[in-house]
Amino acid sequence: MMNPTPRQATAGARQRGLLIIWLAQFISLGILFALTKLIDVPVSAGNDNLRWLMGICGGATFALSFMLKHILVGRAFEQGRPDYITTAYVLAFALCEAAAVCAVVNYFVSGLTMYLLFILAAVGLLFHFPRRAHFEAVLTDGASSDIKSSLR
C-alpha cells in the first residue's frame, strides 16, 4: 500500500476533524431530545403563534443549511480554498442543530414537543455527512469542480 501524498493526508485530516464535530452534533441532538423527555413541562394553551414561529424558524434553518453549504462549497472549488469547505460543513451542522433548538424552546414554552423539527435536524445531519471527495477535489492540482466523485 502506498503512502498518501501530503495533499491526501490533509484531506483526510480535515475530514476526520469534521467527523468528530458531526458526531458531537448528533450526540447533542440526542441530548436535546432527551431533555424534552426527562423534564416535564405542563401543556399551556394559547401558544399557537409561538409554535408556528418555532416551526417556521426550524424549517428555515434546515433549508438554509443546504443553501449555504452549496454556496460555500462552490466558492471553495472556484477559489481552491479547502477552508471554505470546512466552514460550509460546520455552518450546515450548526443550522441543522438550530432546528432542534427551536423544538426545545417550543417545548419549554408550550409543553408540546415538535418531533418534526428533531427529525429534520437528524435528517439534515445525515445528509451533511462530511465527504472526503470535496477536500480531495479542491486540494488536487488542476481539480475540476465535479463534487459528485466517489468517496475514497
Protein backbone atom coordinates (compact mmCIF):
# COMPACT_ATOMS: atom_id res chain seq x y z
CA MET A 1 0.00 0.00 0.00
CA MET A 2 1.35 3.39 -0.94
CA ASN A 3 1.76 6.24 1.48
CA PRO A 4 -0.70 9.09 0.99
CA THR A 5 0.59 12.29 -0.54
CA PRO A 6 0.68 15.36 1.71
CA ARG A 7 -2.43 16.71 -0.01
CA GLN A 8 -4.32 13.44 0.55
CA ALA A 9 -3.22 13.43 4.18
CA THR A 10 -4.52 16.98 4.55
CA ALA A 11 -7.87 15.96 3.05
CA GLY A 12 -8.09 13.01 5.41
CA ALA A 13 -7.21 15.12 8.44
CA ARG A 14 -9.81 17.74 7.56
CA GLN A 15 -12.46 15.07 7.06
CA ARG A 16 -11.60 13.37 10.37
CA GLY A 17 -11.93 16.70 12.18
CA LEU A 18 -15.34 17.25 10.61
CA LEU A 19 -16.40 13.72 11.51
CA ILE A 20 -15.67 14.46 15.16
CA ILE A 21 -17.74 17.64 15.01
CA TRP A 22 -20.52 15.80 13.14
CA LEU A 23 -20.65 13.07 15.77
CA ALA A 24 -20.69 15.65 18.57
CA GLN A 25 -23.63 17.39 16.88
CA PHE A 26 -25.51 14.10 16.73
CA ILE A 27 -24.85 13.46 20.42
CA SER A 28 -26.01 17.00 21.19
CA LEU A 29 -29.18 16.37 19.20
CA GLY A 30 -29.84 13.27 21.27
CA ILE A 31 -29.30 15.22 24.50
CA LEU A 32 -31.73 17.93 23.40
CA PHE A 33 -34.35 15.31 22.59
CA ALA A 34 -33.74 13.57 25.92
CA LEU A 35 -34.30 16.88 27.72
CA THR A 36 -37.81 17.05 26.31
CA LYS A 37 -38.49 13.56 27.62
CA LEU A 38 -36.85 13.92 31.04
CA ILE A 39 -38.20 17.35 32.03
CA ASP A 40 -41.96 17.51 32.43
CA VAL A 41 -43.43 20.81 31.23
CA PRO A 42 -47.20 21.25 31.53
CA VAL A 43 -49.03 21.98 28.29
CA SER A 44 -50.13 25.60 28.16
CA ALA A 45 -52.86 26.79 25.84
CA GLY A 46 -52.70 29.88 23.68
CA ASN A 47 -49.17 29.49 22.30
CA ASP A 48 -50.19 28.63 18.76
CA ASN A 49 -48.38 31.64 17.30
CA LEU A 50 -45.17 30.67 19.05
CA ARG A 51 -45.47 27.08 17.82
CA TRP A 52 -45.86 28.34 14.26
CA LEU A 53 -42.92 30.72 14.67
CA MET A 54 -40.65 27.99 16.06
CA GLY A 55 -41.75 25.60 13.31
CA ILE A 56 -41.03 28.15 10.60
CA CYS A 57 -37.67 29.11 12.13
CA GLY A 58 -36.66 25.46 12.48
CA GLY A 59 -37.65 24.65 8.92
CA ALA A 60 -35.90 27.76 7.62
CA THR A 61 -32.63 26.90 9.37
CA PHE A 62 -32.86 23.37 7.93
CA ALA A 63 -33.31 24.73 4.39
CA LEU A 64 -30.68 27.42 4.89
CA SER A 65 -28.12 24.79 5.90
CA PHE A 66 -28.31 23.22 2.44
CA MET A 67 -28.27 26.52 0.57
CA LEU A 68 -25.28 27.96 2.42
CA LYS A 69 -23.31 24.72 2.20
CA HIS A 70 -23.89 24.59 -1.55
CA ILE A 71 -22.78 28.20 -1.98
CA LEU A 72 -19.65 27.83 0.17
CA VAL A 73 -18.60 24.52 -1.41
CA GLY A 74 -18.98 26.11 -4.84
CA ARG A 75 -16.88 29.05 -3.73
CA ALA A 76 -14.24 26.64 -2.39
CA PHE A 77 -13.96 25.00 -5.82
CA GLU A 78 -13.77 28.34 -7.59
CA GLN A 79 -11.03 29.68 -5.34
CA GLY A 80 -9.29 26.41 -4.43
CA ARG A 81 -9.84 27.00 -0.69
CA PRO A 82 -10.43 23.86 1.39
CA ASP A 83 -11.06 26.01 4.47
CA TYR A 84 -14.31 27.15 2.84
CA ILE A 85 -15.44 23.52 2.74
CA THR A 86 -14.73 23.17 6.46
CA THR A 87 -16.70 26.34 7.12
CA ALA A 88 -19.55 25.10 4.92
CA TYR A 89 -19.88 21.88 6.85
CA VAL A 90 -19.63 23.42 10.30
CA LEU A 91 -22.21 26.05 9.37
CA ALA A 92 -24.52 23.36 7.96
CA PHE A 93 -24.17 21.31 11.16
CA ALA A 94 -24.98 24.32 13.33
CA LEU A 95 -28.02 25.30 11.28
CA CYS A 96 -29.42 21.76 11.46
CA GLU A 97 -28.89 21.81 15.21
CA ALA A 98 -30.75 25.13 15.36
CA ALA A 99 -33.89 23.33 14.18
CA ALA A 100 -33.69 21.09 17.25
CA VAL A 101 -33.05 24.11 19.49
CA CYS A 102 -36.26 25.67 18.13
CA ALA A 103 -38.09 22.47 19.09
CA VAL A 104 -36.66 22.60 22.63
CA VAL A 105 -37.60 26.27 23.04
CA ASN A 106 -41.10 25.47 21.86
CA TYR A 107 -41.32 22.60 24.34
CA PHE A 108 -40.27 24.68 27.32
CA VAL A 109 -42.71 27.46 26.43
CA SER A 110 -45.75 25.47 25.32
CA GLY A 111 -45.17 21.97 26.68
CA LEU A 112 -45.64 20.38 23.23
CA THR A 113 -42.81 18.52 21.52
CA MET A 114 -42.29 19.28 17.84
CA TYR A 115 -40.98 15.90 16.71
CA LEU A 116 -40.80 17.08 13.10
CA LEU A 117 -38.04 19.56 13.94
CA PHE A 118 -35.99 16.86 15.67
CA ILE A 119 -36.46 14.62 12.64
CA LEU A 120 -35.45 17.45 10.28
CA ALA A 121 -32.33 18.11 12.34
CA ALA A 122 -31.33 14.44 12.31
CA VAL A 123 -32.02 14.03 8.58
CA GLY A 124 -30.10 17.23 7.85
CA LEU A 125 -27.09 16.00 9.79
CA LEU A 126 -27.22 12.68 7.94
CA PHE A 127 -27.29 14.48 4.58
CA HIS A 128 -24.39 16.71 5.67
CA PHE A 129 -22.09 13.76 6.39
CA PRO A 130 -18.55 15.06 5.66
CA ARG A 131 -17.28 13.85 2.29
CA ARG A 132 -13.57 13.43 1.73
CA ALA A 133 -14.08 13.85 -2.02
CA HIS A 134 -14.83 17.55 -1.55
CA PHE A 135 -11.44 18.15 0.06
CA GLU A 136 -9.55 15.97 -2.38
CA ALA A 137 -11.07 17.75 -5.37
CA VAL A 138 -10.09 21.17 -4.02
CA LEU A 139 -6.61 20.06 -2.91
CA THR A 140 -5.76 18.33 -6.20
CA ASP A 141 -3.83 20.48 -8.62
CA GLY A 142 -5.98 21.30 -11.60
CA ALA A 143 -9.04 19.87 -9.90
CA SER A 144 -12.33 20.03 -11.66
CA SER A 145 -15.38 21.31 -9.86
CA ASP A 146 -17.07 17.89 -10.02
CA ILE A 147 -18.25 17.30 -6.46
CA LYS A 148 -20.07 14.09 -7.40
CA SER A 149 -16.93 11.99 -7.25
CA SER A 150 -16.97 8.85 -5.14
CA LEU A 151 -15.59 8.62 -1.63
CA ARG A 152 -12.14 7.17 -1.31
